[in-house]
Amino acid sequence: MKDGLQARGLTRAVASPRSTSLKLIIVHYHLRPGGIRRVIELATPHILREFGGRISEVVLATGEAAAGRWTENFQSLTGEIPVRLVHEPSFGYFSEQRRPPAAIRKRILHALNRLLADATPDNCLVWAHNLGIARNLILTRELGRECHRRGLTLIAHHHDWWFDNRWRRWPEMRRCGCRTLADAAKIVFPSARNIRHIAINQVDAQPLRRHLRGFNTWLPNLTEQASLPSTAGRRNARRWLGRQLGDTTSPVWILPCRLLRRKNIAEALLLTRWLQPDAWLVTTGGVSSDDEQIYFRQLQDAVRQNRWRVCLGVLHGDECDQPSVGELISASEVVLLTSVQEGFGLPYLEAVAAERPLIARRISNISPDLDHLGFRFPYSYADILVDPSLFNWAAECNRQTKLFLAWKSQLPRPCRGWTGKSLLLTAGRRPRPVAFSRLTLTAQLEILAVPAEASWRLCAPLNPFLAGWRKLVARGQLATTPWPETADAWLSGTAYARQFAKIVRNAPSQAPTAGSACATQKRFMRMKFASENLFPLLWAKES
């Protein structure tokens, strides 16, 4: 595809638009496999139905097109309503662009002028994803300004935040023209009546609710209890996995994720080796950001050197002729979720929908929502404790001290006094059992290099629940979690679209106050800087 703003209409008949028709413009940095793309494909057909035929066109405006046939498949979900793909590279991640900021801004403005050329408050709705992660703060700023200038309703759908363990983004944000924390707040949370904010968990919804009352909502990601893949689909997925692994008989434990540090992949491997030594650990997505390359290489090198049964990014590359994530989950013995940080955590619900056992780490901002929705996961845990003799404690303390100080020095000066400290460092230099998730990848790999049975003997007494789980795995008796009836009131497509439409139609009489942006951001930051939310995995690149 040529460089520049490009659009192509997909082959569907278009009904004559009525005077009240709406164009739904969906904006995201890319259409790479992952949770956001999944939300877009699941939610859009329900949103179209909720608006009762008023939406006459869907426009996908992204910095990077989807691989394979995803867009054509997406069009099939929207029925007779046409889908137009707008590919503008300047909408992509700022860190992956080579032009200077001024040139990127010029291209973004040109693209937005074309994208919104005929847009009015009555005929256009903009649904933008993850602007608050600031992967392209120029896009966040200019899209907000253009929608405000034209009076367009902008739904800012926040899945993650730039100030949540992503402080290496700050120098990049400064290059985008953001000089102070106040600048960042005003770009992400502008005081404008036309902008509505969506948070995907209640913990993140609280600061929005407090300071942007009437301009926000909590909207958990929809995950309907879809019909299970067919027996043939499951069988084909298992055969496909067998070809990728070169092993058609061993069990597969799956971690549905892209290769991100926050997914804490080494912990999934530790659990797999302890509980089911014959199993392969498989992750689905590949590396989708240059920032994660060092993490991936360090992990992949250890896998090769130790000949661990691990396949990282089995779905990476061309999506043609690959099974879906759902089919792979269905074909696996166990689903794992070991993340240290998530916005919502779709694998919790994907495992339930596929009727597969789930072993998952409890995440502080997600578990309360899952409880509220009625889910009960029998194999969830707060942390996996490890014996300090399994790694070099002194070296890890020194490593974390250096990483922490380097990380803290990157912060804007006002933030440095708000930070907690690594839970390992707060305990001093005396070795003691520590959560595996609170270690750097270097220390995690030291532990994994110890024979599994040797590390099990040291760590099983620290995690007594694991012995029972191990017996259940050996007997093939791990239980699945039933889909609760209460969940459909929030997670069904109909409920999701109804709530989405409610915030679109909500029109507060006054804009947020001038100080609401900074107050919202400050409350978020103080919450995210607490010690329990700081993880060395996310502080800096390792080598």
Protein backbone atom coordinates (compact mmCIF):
# COMPACT_ATOMS: atom_id res chain seq x y z
CA MET A 1 0.00 0.00 0.00
CA LYS A 2 1.38 3.39 -0.93
CA ASP A 3 2.46 5.83 1.73
CA GLY A 4 -0.23 8.39 2.51
CA LEU A 5 -3.94 8.61 3.17
CA GLN A 6 -5.58 5.75 1.36
CA ALA A 7 -9.10 4.44 1.34
CA ARG A 8 -10.88 1.56 -0.29
CA GLY A 9 -14.52 0.69 -0.17
CA LEU A 10 -15.21 -3.00 0.35
CA THR A 11 -17.59 -4.72 -1.97
CA ARG A 12 -21.03 -4.33 -0.47
CA ALA A 13 -24.11 -2.59 -1.72
CA VAL A 14 -24.80 0.73 -0.02
CA ALA A 15 -28.34 1.75 0.85
CA SER A 16 -29.24 5.34 0.04
CA PRO A 17 -28.36 7.34 3.16
CA ARG A 18 -31.18 9.16 4.84
CA SER A 19 -30.90 12.72 6.05
CA THR A 20 -30.51 11.39 9.59
CA SER A 21 -27.83 8.85 8.69
CA LEU A 22 -24.59 8.63 10.68
CA LYS A 23 -21.07 7.78 9.71
CA LEU A 24 -19.24 5.82 12.43
CA ILE A 25 -15.51 6.56 12.28
CA ILE A 26 -13.33 4.16 14.29
CA VAL A 27 -9.79 5.39 15.00
CA HIS A 28 -6.91 3.28 16.30
CA TYR A 29 -3.16 3.13 15.84
CA HIS A 30 -3.29 -0.26 14.11
CA LEU A 31 -5.35 -3.39 13.52
CA ARG A 32 -2.84 -5.90 14.90
CA PRO A 33 -4.28 -8.95 16.67
CA GLY A 34 -5.19 -8.19 20.26
CA GLY A 35 -7.90 -7.14 22.67
CA ILE A 36 -8.75 -3.78 21.10
CA ARG A 37 -9.21 -5.21 17.62
CA ARG A 38 -11.36 -7.93 19.18
CA VAL A 39 -13.53 -5.35 20.94
CA ILE A 40 -14.00 -3.46 17.66
CA GLU A 41 -15.06 -6.56 15.74
CA LEU A 42 -17.39 -7.81 18.48
CA ALA A 43 -18.98 -4.49 19.40
CA THR A 44 -19.50 -2.78 16.05
CA PRO A 45 -22.36 -4.99 14.76
CA HIS A 46 -24.25 -4.51 18.04
CA ILE A 47 -23.71 -0.75 17.95
CA LEU A 48 -25.05 -0.65 14.40
CA ARG A 49 -28.21 -2.46 15.52
CA GLU A 50 -28.62 -0.25 18.60
CA PHE A 51 -28.70 2.84 16.40
CA GLY A 52 -31.61 1.34 14.47
CA GLY A 53 -30.28 1.70 10.95
CA ARG A 54 -29.10 5.29 11.36
CA ILE A 55 -25.45 4.35 10.75
CA SER A 56 -24.95 4.14 6.99
CA GLU A 57 -21.18 3.66 6.84
CA VAL A 58 -18.32 2.43 9.04
CA VAL A 59 -14.87 3.92 8.49
CA LEU A 60 -11.80 2.21 9.99
CA ALA A 61 -9.06 4.86 10.19
CA THR A 62 -5.78 3.32 11.34
CA GLY A 63 -2.04 3.78 11.03
CA GLU A 64 -1.59 0.21 9.89
CA ALA A 65 -3.96 -2.06 8.03
CA ALA A 66 -4.90 -5.53 9.23
CA ALA A 67 -3.07 -8.54 7.87
CA GLY A 68 -4.80 -11.25 5.91
CA ARG A 69 -8.55 -11.17 5.41
CA TRP A 70 -9.51 -9.51 8.70
CA THR A 71 -11.10 -6.42 7.14
CA GLU A 72 -13.15 -8.48 4.69
CA ASN A 73 -14.29 -10.69 7.58
CA PHE A 74 -15.18 -7.57 9.55
CA GLN A 75 -17.30 -6.35 6.63
CA SER A 76 -19.25 -9.59 6.73
CA LEU A 77 -20.23 -8.78 10.33
CA THR A 78 -21.72 -5.40 9.42
CA GLY A 79 -24.15 -6.79 6.84
CA GLU A 80 -25.24 -4.30 4.19
CA ILE A 81 -23.56 -1.39 5.94
CA PRO A 82 -20.32 -0.77 4.02
CA VAL A 83 -16.89 -0.63 5.63
CA ARG A 84 -14.23 1.74 4.31
CA LEU A 85 -10.60 1.32 5.31
CA VAL A 86 -8.56 4.49 5.69
CA HIS A 87 -4.86 3.79 6.10
CA GLU A 88 -2.75 6.75 7.20
CA PRO A 89 0.74 5.82 8.52
CA SER A 90 0.97 9.02 10.57
CA PHE A 91 -1.84 7.63 12.78
CA GLY A 92 0.49 4.85 13.90
CA TYR A 93 2.83 4.68 16.88
CA PHE A 94 4.98 7.80 17.07
CA SER A 95 8.02 5.72 18.05
CA GLU A 96 7.80 3.74 14.80
CA GLN A 97 7.78 6.80 12.54
CA ARG A 98 10.87 8.43 11.08
CA ARG A 99 9.56 11.87 10.19
CA PRO A 100 10.08 14.82 12.54
CA PRO A 101 7.11 15.76 14.76
CA ALA A 102 6.20 18.82 12.69
CA ALA A 103 5.95 16.71 9.54
CA ILE A 104 3.87 14.06 11.34
CA ARG A 105 1.51 16.75 12.64
CA LYS A 106 1.12 18.16 9.12
CA ARG A 107 0.23 14.75 7.73
CA ILE A 108 -2.21 14.05 10.56
CA LEU A 109 -3.98 17.38 10.02
CA HIS A 110 -4.19 16.74 6.28
CA ALA A 111 -5.58 13.25 6.92
CA LEU A 112 -8.12 14.48 9.47
CA ASN A 113 -9.32 17.23 7.12
CA ARG A 114 -10.01 14.60 4.48
CA LEU A 115 -11.47 12.09 6.92
CA LEU A 116 -13.83 14.67 8.46
CA ALA A 117 -14.41 16.78 5.35
CA ASP A 118 -18.19 16.42 5.33
CA ALA A 119 -18.64 15.67 9.03
CA THR A 120 -21.21 17.54 11.09
CA PRO A 121 -22.56 16.96 14.62
CA ASP A 122 -25.65 15.35 13.06
CA ASN A 123 -23.99 12.95 10.64
CA CYS A 124 -20.77 11.74 12.26
CA LEU A 125 -19.65 9.90 15.40
CA VAL A 126 -15.97 9.26 16.19
CA TRP A 127 -14.97 6.27 18.31
CA ALA A 128 -11.24 6.46 19.12
CA HIS A 129 -9.34 3.75 20.98
CA ASN A 130 -6.52 4.12 23.48
CA LEU A 131 -5.78 7.81 23.01
CA GLY A 132 -4.83 7.88 26.69
CA ILE A 133 -1.89 5.52 26.17
CA ALA A 134 -0.18 8.34 24.22
CA ARG A 135 1.47 6.13 21.61
CA ASN A 136 0.90 9.10 19.30
CA LEU A 137 0.15 12.19 21.36
CA ILE A 138 0.04 14.36 18.25
CA LEU A 139 -2.88 12.30 16.98
CA THR A 140 -4.60 12.48 20.38
CA ARG A 141 -4.25 16.27 20.46
CA GLU A 142 -5.22 17.02 16.87
CA LEU A 143 -8.14 14.57 16.76
CA GLY A 144 -9.53 16.15 19.94
CA ARG A 145 -9.13 19.65 18.52
CA GLU A 146 -10.71 18.81 15.17
CA CYS A 147 -13.70 17.10 16.76
CA HIS A 148 -14.15 20.04 19.14
CA ARG A 149 -13.88 22.57 16.31
CA ARG A 150 -16.50 20.73 14.27
CA GLY A 151 -18.72 19.89 17.25
CA LEU A 152 -18.40 16.14 16.67
CA THR A 153 -19.03 13.67 19.46
CA LEU A 154 -15.74 11.92 20.24
CA ILE A 155 -15.85 8.70 22.28
CA ALA A 156 -12.40 8.34 23.87
CA HIS A 157 -12.27 4.64 24.72
CA HIS A 158 -9.43 4.09 27.19
CA HIS A 159 -8.00 0.58 27.46
CA ASP A 160 -4.67 1.60 29.03
CA TRP A 161 -2.90 4.75 30.26
CA TRP A 162 0.48 6.30 29.50
CA PHE A 163 1.11 6.97 33.21
CA ASP A 164 0.51 3.36 34.21
CA ASN A 165 4.06 1.87 34.25
CA ARG A 166 4.86 3.38 30.85
CA TRP A 167 7.10 6.26 31.83
CA ARG A 168 9.64 5.55 29.12
CA ARG A 169 6.98 7.15 26.95
CA TRP A 170 7.57 10.56 28.57
CA PRO A 171 10.62 11.67 26.48
CA GLU A 172 8.66 10.67 23.39
CA MET A 173 5.70 12.73 24.56
CA ARG A 174 7.97 15.73 25.03
CA ARG A 175 9.08 15.38 21.42
CA CYS A 176 5.40 15.60 20.50
CA GLY A 177 5.25 19.06 22.10
CA CYS A 178 4.07 18.03 25.57
CA ARG A 179 6.35 19.96 27.95
CA THR A 180 4.57 19.60 31.29
CA LEU A 181 2.22 17.25 33.10
CA ALA A 182 -0.48 19.87 32.68
CA ASP A 183 0.02 19.74 28.91
CA ALA A 184 -0.44 15.97 28.96
CA ALA A 185 -3.58 16.19 31.09
CA LYS A 186 -5.19 18.77 28.81
CA ILE A 187 -4.51 16.62 25.75
CA VAL A 188 -5.85 13.36 27.23
CA PHE A 189 -8.70 14.88 29.30
CA PRO A 190 -9.61 18.11 27.44
CA SER A 191 -12.34 20.34 28.86
CA ALA A 192 -14.81 19.95 26.02
CA ARG A 193 -18.50 19.06 26.04
CA ASN A 194 -18.23 16.92 22.92
CA ILE A 195 -15.81 14.35 24.38
CA ARG A 196 -16.98 11.29 26.34
CA HIS A 197 -14.57 8.97 28.15
CA ILE A 198 -14.98 5.21 28.53
CA ALA A 199 -13.00 3.19 31.09
CA ILE A 200 -13.03 -0.61 30.89
CA ASN A 201 -12.71 -1.31 34.62
CA GLN A 202 -14.26 0.32 37.67
CA VAL A 203 -10.96 1.20 39.34
CA ASP A 204 -10.07 3.41 36.37
CA ALA A 205 -13.61 4.73 36.14
CA GLN A 206 -13.43 6.22 39.64
CA PRO A 207 -11.12 9.19 38.88
CA LEU A 208 -13.11 9.91 35.73
CA ARG A 209 -16.35 9.78 37.66
CA ARG A 210 -15.05 12.11 40.33
CA HIS A 211 -13.68 14.84 38.06
CA LEU A 212 -15.49 14.34 34.72
CA ARG A 213 -18.97 13.59 36.00
CA GLY A 214 -21.43 13.17 33.15
CA PHE A 215 -18.65 12.76 30.59
CA ASN A 216 -17.64 9.19 31.40
CA THR A 217 -18.85 5.66 31.89
CA TRP A 218 -17.63 2.23 32.94
CA LEU A 219 -18.04 -0.17 30.04
CA PRO A 220 -16.51 -3.63 30.50
CA ASN A 221 -15.37 -5.30 27.31
CA LEU A 222 -18.08 -7.43 25.80
CA THR A 223 -17.44 -11.16 25.58
CA GLU A 224 -20.57 -13.03 24.74
CA GLN A 225 -20.89 -16.72 25.57
CA ALA A 226 -20.50 -17.70 21.96
CA SER A 227 -21.11 -21.19 20.70
CA LEU A 228 -18.05 -23.40 21.06
CA PRO A 229 -15.89 -24.14 18.03
CA SER A 230 -17.06 -27.25 16.24
CA THR A 231 -15.43 -30.59 16.93
CA ALA A 232 -13.86 -30.35 13.47
CA GLY A 233 -12.60 -26.82 14.19
CA ARG A 234 -11.03 -27.96 17.46
CA ARG A 235 -9.48 -30.99 15.80
CA ASN A 236 -8.06 -28.89 12.95
CA ALA A 237 -6.63 -26.38 15.43
CA ARG A 238 -4.94 -29.19 17.37
CA ARG A 239 -3.47 -30.62 14.19
CA TRP A 240 -2.26 -27.16 13.16
CA LEU A 241 -0.65 -26.73 16.60
CA GLY A 242 0.99 -30.12 16.24
CA ARG A 243 2.58 -29.05 12.97
CA GLN A 244 3.90 -25.82 14.49
CA LEU A 245 5.32 -27.63 17.54
CA GLY A 246 6.51 -30.77 15.78
CA ASP A 247 4.60 -32.70 18.45
CA THR A 248 1.06 -33.98 18.03
CA THR A 249 0.65 -35.82 21.33
CA SER A 250 1.84 -33.58 24.19
CA PRO A 251 -0.68 -31.32 25.97
CA VAL A 252 -0.71 -27.60 25.19
CA TRP A 253 -1.12 -24.84 27.78
CA ILE A 254 -1.94 -21.53 26.17
CA LEU A 255 -1.30 -17.92 27.19
CA PRO A 256 -3.41 -15.84 24.76
CA CYS A 257 -1.34 -12.67 24.45
CA ARG A 258 1.06 -10.62 22.41
CA LEU A 259 4.71 -10.62 23.50
CA LEU A 260 4.59 -7.85 26.07
CA ARG A 261 6.60 -7.57 29.30
CA ARG A 262 3.47 -6.92 31.31
CA LYS A 263 2.18 -10.38 30.34
CA ASN A 264 4.80 -11.86 32.71
CA ILE A 265 5.35 -14.80 30.36
CA ALA A 266 8.10 -16.38 32.45
CA GLU A 267 5.60 -16.97 35.29
CA ALA A 268 3.34 -18.88 32.90
CA LEU A 269 6.32 -21.05 31.99
CA LEU A 270 7.16 -21.64 35.66
CA LEU A 271 3.61 -22.81 36.39
CA THR A 272 3.53 -25.01 33.29
CA ARG A 273 6.81 -26.73 34.19
CA TRP A 274 5.69 -27.30 37.78
CA LEU A 275 2.14 -28.46 37.13
CA GLN A 276 2.36 -30.23 33.76
CA PRO A 277 6.02 -30.87 32.81
CA ASP A 278 5.08 -32.63 29.55
CA ALA A 279 3.08 -29.65 28.26
CA TRP A 280 4.05 -27.03 25.73
CA LEU A 281 3.52 -23.40 26.68
CA VAL A 282 2.19 -21.49 23.66
CA THR A 283 1.60 -17.76 23.33
CA THR A 284 -0.53 -16.50 20.47
CA GLY A 285 0.64 -13.06 19.30
CA GLY A 286 4.09 -11.90 18.30
CA VAL A 287 6.06 -8.77 19.11
CA SER A 288 3.95 -5.83 18.02
CA SER A 289 6.13 -2.97 19.27
CA ASP A 290 9.81 -2.14 18.94
CA ASP A 291 9.83 -1.40 22.68
CA GLU A 292 9.36 -5.11 23.40
CA GLN A 293 12.11 -6.49 21.18
CA ILE A 294 14.76 -6.74 23.92
CA TYR A 295 12.34 -8.56 26.24
CA PHE A 296 11.40 -10.95 23.46
CA ARG A 297 14.99 -11.69 22.46
CA GLN A 298 16.09 -12.30 26.06
CA LEU A 299 13.17 -14.68 26.60
CA GLN A 300 13.57 -16.42 23.26
CA ASP A 301 17.32 -16.90 23.76
CA ALA A 302 16.68 -18.57 27.13
CA VAL A 303 14.05 -20.85 25.56
CA ARG A 304 16.51 -21.99 22.90
CA GLN A 305 19.47 -22.42 25.23
CA ASN A 306 17.47 -24.45 27.75
CA ARG A 307 15.34 -26.27 25.17
CA TRP A 308 12.19 -25.44 27.04
CA ARG A 309 8.88 -26.56 25.57
CA VAL A 310 7.78 -23.07 24.57
CA CYS A 311 6.43 -21.60 21.34
CA LEU A 312 6.29 -17.80 21.45
CA GLY A 313 3.88 -16.08 19.05
CA VAL A 314 2.42 -19.08 17.30
CA LEU A 315 -0.05 -16.83 15.40
CA HIS A 316 2.51 -14.19 14.49
CA GLY A 317 2.63 -13.34 10.78
CA ASP A 318 0.13 -13.94 8.01
CA GLU A 319 -3.29 -14.64 9.48
CA CYS A 320 -4.49 -16.60 6.45
CA ASP A 321 -5.15 -20.29 7.05
CA GLN A 322 -4.53 -20.00 10.79
CA PRO A 323 -7.01 -21.10 13.44
CA SER A 324 -8.65 -18.39 15.50
CA VAL A 325 -7.59 -17.64 19.07
CA GLY A 326 -10.87 -19.16 20.23
CA GLU A 327 -10.17 -22.39 18.34
CA LEU A 328 -6.65 -22.58 19.79
CA ILE A 329 -8.00 -22.04 23.31
CA SER A 330 -10.56 -24.78 22.74
CA ALA A 331 -7.83 -27.13 21.52
CA SER A 332 -5.61 -26.51 24.55
CA GLU A 333 -5.64 -28.30 27.89
CA VAL A 334 -5.35 -25.20 30.11
CA VAL A 335 -5.50 -21.41 29.66
CA LEU A 336 -3.07 -19.23 31.61
CA LEU A 337 -3.17 -15.53 32.47
CA THR A 338 -0.16 -14.33 34.45
CA SER A 339 -0.13 -10.61 33.64
CA VAL A 340 1.08 -8.05 36.14
CA GLN A 341 -1.07 -5.38 34.51
CA GLU A 342 -4.21 -5.43 32.37
CA GLY A 343 -6.99 -3.05 31.50
CA PHE A 344 -9.66 -5.75 31.40
CA GLY A 345 -8.22 -9.22 30.74
CA LEU A 346 -10.24 -10.89 28.00
CA PRO A 347 -8.55 -14.32 28.46
CA TYR A 348 -10.44 -14.73 31.76
CA LEU A 349 -13.67 -14.72 29.82
CA GLU A 350 -12.37 -16.43 26.69
CA ALA A 351 -11.44 -19.44 28.83
CA VAL A 352 -14.96 -19.55 30.31
CA ALA A 353 -16.57 -19.24 26.89
CA ALA A 354 -14.39 -22.06 25.53
CA GLU A 355 -15.07 -24.24 28.60
CA ARG A 356 -11.38 -24.61 29.37
CA PRO A 357 -9.78 -24.55 32.85
CA LEU A 358 -8.09 -21.25 33.70
CA ILE A 359 -5.09 -20.69 35.96
CA ALA A 360 -4.82 -16.96 36.49
CA ARG A 361 -3.18 -14.29 38.57
CA ARG A 362 -5.62 -11.99 40.38
CA ILE A 363 -5.13 -8.42 39.16
CA SER A 364 -6.22 -5.69 41.55
CA ASN A 365 -8.16 -3.58 39.07
CA ILE A 366 -9.84 -6.51 37.30
CA SER A 367 -10.76 -9.06 39.94
CA PRO A 368 -13.39 -6.81 41.59
CA ASP A 369 -15.11 -6.38 38.21
CA LEU A 370 -15.10 -10.13 37.55
CA ASP A 371 -16.56 -10.74 41.00
CA HIS A 372 -19.22 -8.09 40.34
CA LEU A 373 -20.11 -9.81 37.07
CA GLY A 374 -20.55 -13.15 38.87
CA PHE A 375 -17.45 -15.08 37.77
CA ARG A 376 -15.73 -17.43 40.20
CA PHE A 377 -12.33 -18.79 39.23
CA PRO A 378 -11.16 -21.74 41.38
CA TYR A 379 -7.53 -21.59 40.25
CA SER A 380 -6.71 -17.94 40.78
CA TYR A 381 -3.85 -16.73 42.95
CA ALA A 382 -2.46 -13.46 44.27
CA ASP A 383 1.20 -14.31 43.64
CA ILE A 384 3.62 -17.19 43.30
CA LEU A 385 6.28 -17.01 46.02
CA VAL A 386 9.77 -18.27 45.24
CA ASP A 387 12.65 -19.25 47.50
CA PRO A 388 15.46 -16.63 47.45
CA SER A 389 18.13 -19.32 47.08
CA LEU A 390 16.97 -19.87 43.49
CA PHE A 391 18.48 -16.60 42.26
CA ASN A 392 21.24 -14.21 43.18
CA TRP A 393 19.49 -12.05 45.77
CA ALA A 394 22.27 -9.46 46.13
CA ALA A 395 22.61 -9.05 42.38
CA GLU A 396 18.84 -8.69 42.00
CA CYS A 397 18.68 -6.03 44.73
CA ASN A 398 21.46 -4.11 43.02
CA ARG A 399 19.78 -4.54 39.64
CA GLN A 400 16.43 -3.35 40.92
CA THR A 401 18.01 -0.40 42.75
CA LYS A 402 19.68 0.79 39.55
CA LEU A 403 16.58 0.21 37.45
CA PHE A 404 14.37 1.97 39.98
CA LEU A 405 16.62 5.02 40.24
CA ALA A 406 16.96 5.21 36.44
CA TRP A 407 13.19 4.87 36.07
CA LYS A 408 12.51 7.49 38.73
CA SER A 409 14.96 9.94 37.14
CA GLN A 410 12.86 9.84 33.94
CA LEU A 411 9.78 11.07 35.77
CA PRO A 412 8.78 14.72 35.72
CA ARG A 413 10.02 16.30 38.93
CA PRO A 414 6.55 16.66 40.58
CA CYS A 415 5.99 12.89 40.30
CA ARG A 416 9.16 11.76 42.02
CA GLY A 417 7.75 12.36 45.47
CA TRP A 418 4.59 10.38 44.72
CA THR A 419 6.30 7.07 43.91
CA GLY A 420 6.25 4.02 46.08
CA LYS A 421 9.10 1.54 45.93
CA SER A 422 9.63 -2.00 44.72
CA LEU A 423 8.21 -4.45 47.25
CA LEU A 424 11.49 -6.36 47.13
CA LEU A 425 13.55 -3.25 47.89
CA THR A 426 11.33 -2.18 50.79
CA ALA A 427 12.26 -5.40 52.63
CA GLY A 428 15.95 -4.57 52.73
CA ARG A 429 18.87 -6.79 51.77
CA ARG A 430 18.01 -9.85 53.82
CA PRO A 431 16.85 -12.70 51.54
CA ARG A 432 13.28 -13.87 52.00
CA PRO A 433 10.58 -15.48 49.86
CA VAL A 434 9.42 -13.03 47.21
CA ALA A 435 6.73 -12.95 44.53
CA PHE A 436 8.02 -14.15 41.18
CA SER A 437 6.15 -11.27 39.51
CA ARG A 438 8.21 -8.74 41.51
CA LEU A 439 11.49 -9.83 39.93
CA THR A 440 13.26 -8.66 36.81
CA LEU A 441 13.27 -10.97 33.81
CA THR A 442 16.94 -11.71 34.50
CA ALA A 443 16.14 -13.12 37.95
CA GLN A 444 13.06 -14.93 36.62
CA LEU A 445 15.20 -16.70 34.03
CA GLU A 446 17.72 -17.67 36.72
CA ILE A 447 14.91 -19.46 38.56
CA LEU A 448 13.67 -21.14 35.40
CA ALA A 449 17.19 -22.41 34.68
CA VAL A 450 17.00 -24.55 37.86
CA PRO A 451 15.52 -28.02 37.16
CA ALA A 452 11.77 -27.83 37.66
CA GLU A 453 11.58 -30.53 40.32
CA ALA A 454 14.32 -28.83 42.36
CA SER A 455 12.58 -25.44 42.31
CA TRP A 456 9.24 -27.18 43.03
CA ARG A 457 10.61 -28.78 46.21
CA LEU A 458 11.73 -25.37 47.49
CA CYS A 459 8.64 -23.40 46.45
CA ALA A 460 5.72 -25.79 46.91
CA PRO A 461 5.63 -25.23 50.71
CA LEU A 462 5.43 -21.47 50.04
CA ASN A 463 2.40 -21.94 47.77
CA PRO A 464 0.38 -24.78 49.36
CA PHE A 465 -2.53 -24.41 46.93
CA LEU A 466 -0.31 -25.56 44.05
CA ALA A 467 0.04 -29.14 45.36
CA GLY A 468 -3.72 -29.67 45.06
CA TRP A 469 -3.79 -28.15 41.60
CA ARG A 470 -0.92 -30.42 40.52
CA LYS A 471 -2.87 -33.51 41.59
CA LEU A 472 -5.95 -32.34 39.68
CA VAL A 473 -3.86 -31.75 36.55
CA ALA A 474 -2.35 -35.25 36.81
CA ARG A 475 -5.86 -36.74 37.05
CA GLY A 476 -7.25 -34.51 34.30
CA GLN A 477 -9.77 -33.08 36.76
CA LEU A 478 -9.23 -29.32 36.59
CA ALA A 479 -12.67 -27.71 36.65
CA THR A 480 -13.99 -25.10 34.27
CA THR A 481 -15.88 -21.97 35.29
CA PRO A 482 -19.54 -21.75 34.26
CA TRP A 483 -20.81 -18.63 32.56
CA PRO A 484 -22.97 -16.82 35.15
CA GLU A 485 -26.36 -15.50 34.12
CA THR A 486 -25.55 -12.19 35.81
CA ALA A 487 -22.69 -11.55 33.35
CA ASP A 488 -24.96 -11.14 30.34
CA ALA A 489 -26.52 -8.03 31.86
CA TRP A 490 -23.14 -6.34 31.31
CA LEU A 491 -21.20 -8.35 28.76
CA SER A 492 -23.76 -9.21 26.11
CA GLY A 493 -23.53 -7.31 22.85
CA THR A 494 -26.97 -5.84 23.37
CA ALA A 495 -26.13 -4.54 26.86
CA TYR A 496 -22.80 -3.18 25.63
CA ALA A 497 -24.34 -1.30 22.72
CA ARG A 498 -27.10 0.11 24.91
CA GLN A 499 -24.57 1.53 27.36
CA PHE A 500 -22.41 2.85 24.52
CA ALA A 501 -25.40 4.62 22.97
CA LYS A 502 -26.34 6.08 26.35
CA ILE A 503 -23.06 7.94 26.72
CA VAL A 504 -23.19 9.06 23.07
CA ARG A 505 -26.62 10.60 23.61
CA ASN A 506 -25.73 12.14 26.96
CA ALA A 507 -25.20 15.87 26.45
CA PRO A 508 -24.19 17.65 29.67
CA SER A 509 -25.12 21.31 29.69
CA GLN A 510 -21.67 22.47 30.74
CA ALA A 511 -18.13 21.46 29.84
CA PRO A 512 -15.82 20.06 32.53
CA THR A 513 -14.16 22.71 34.66
CA ALA A 514 -10.79 24.12 33.63
CA GLY A 515 -8.98 22.24 36.38
CA SER A 516 -10.65 18.88 35.84
CA ALA A 517 -8.00 17.56 33.45
CA CYS A 518 -5.09 18.06 35.85
CA ALA A 519 -7.12 16.84 38.82
CA THR A 520 -8.11 13.66 36.97
CA GLN A 521 -4.57 12.91 35.89
CA LYS A 522 -3.10 13.62 39.33
CA ARG A 523 -5.55 11.25 41.01
CA PHE A 524 -4.70 8.54 38.49
CA MET A 525 -0.96 9.02 38.99
CA ARG A 526 -1.06 8.81 42.77
CA MET A 527 -3.00 5.57 42.41
CA LYS A 528 -0.66 4.09 39.80
CA PHE A 529 2.49 5.07 41.75
CA ALA A 530 1.55 2.96 44.79
CA SER A 531 4.13 0.26 45.59
CA GLU A 532 1.72 -2.58 44.81
CA ASN A 533 1.39 -1.23 41.25
CA LEU A 534 5.13 -1.03 40.54
CA PHE A 535 6.83 -3.95 38.79
CA PRO A 536 10.53 -4.15 37.83
CA LEU A 537 9.54 -5.94 34.61
CA LEU A 538 8.11 -2.63 33.42
CA TRP A 539 10.79 -0.20 34.55
CA ALA A 540 13.34 -0.48 31.81
CA LYS A 541 14.80 -2.57 29.05
CA GLU A 542 17.16 -5.35 30.08
CA SER A 543 19.97 -6.75 28.03
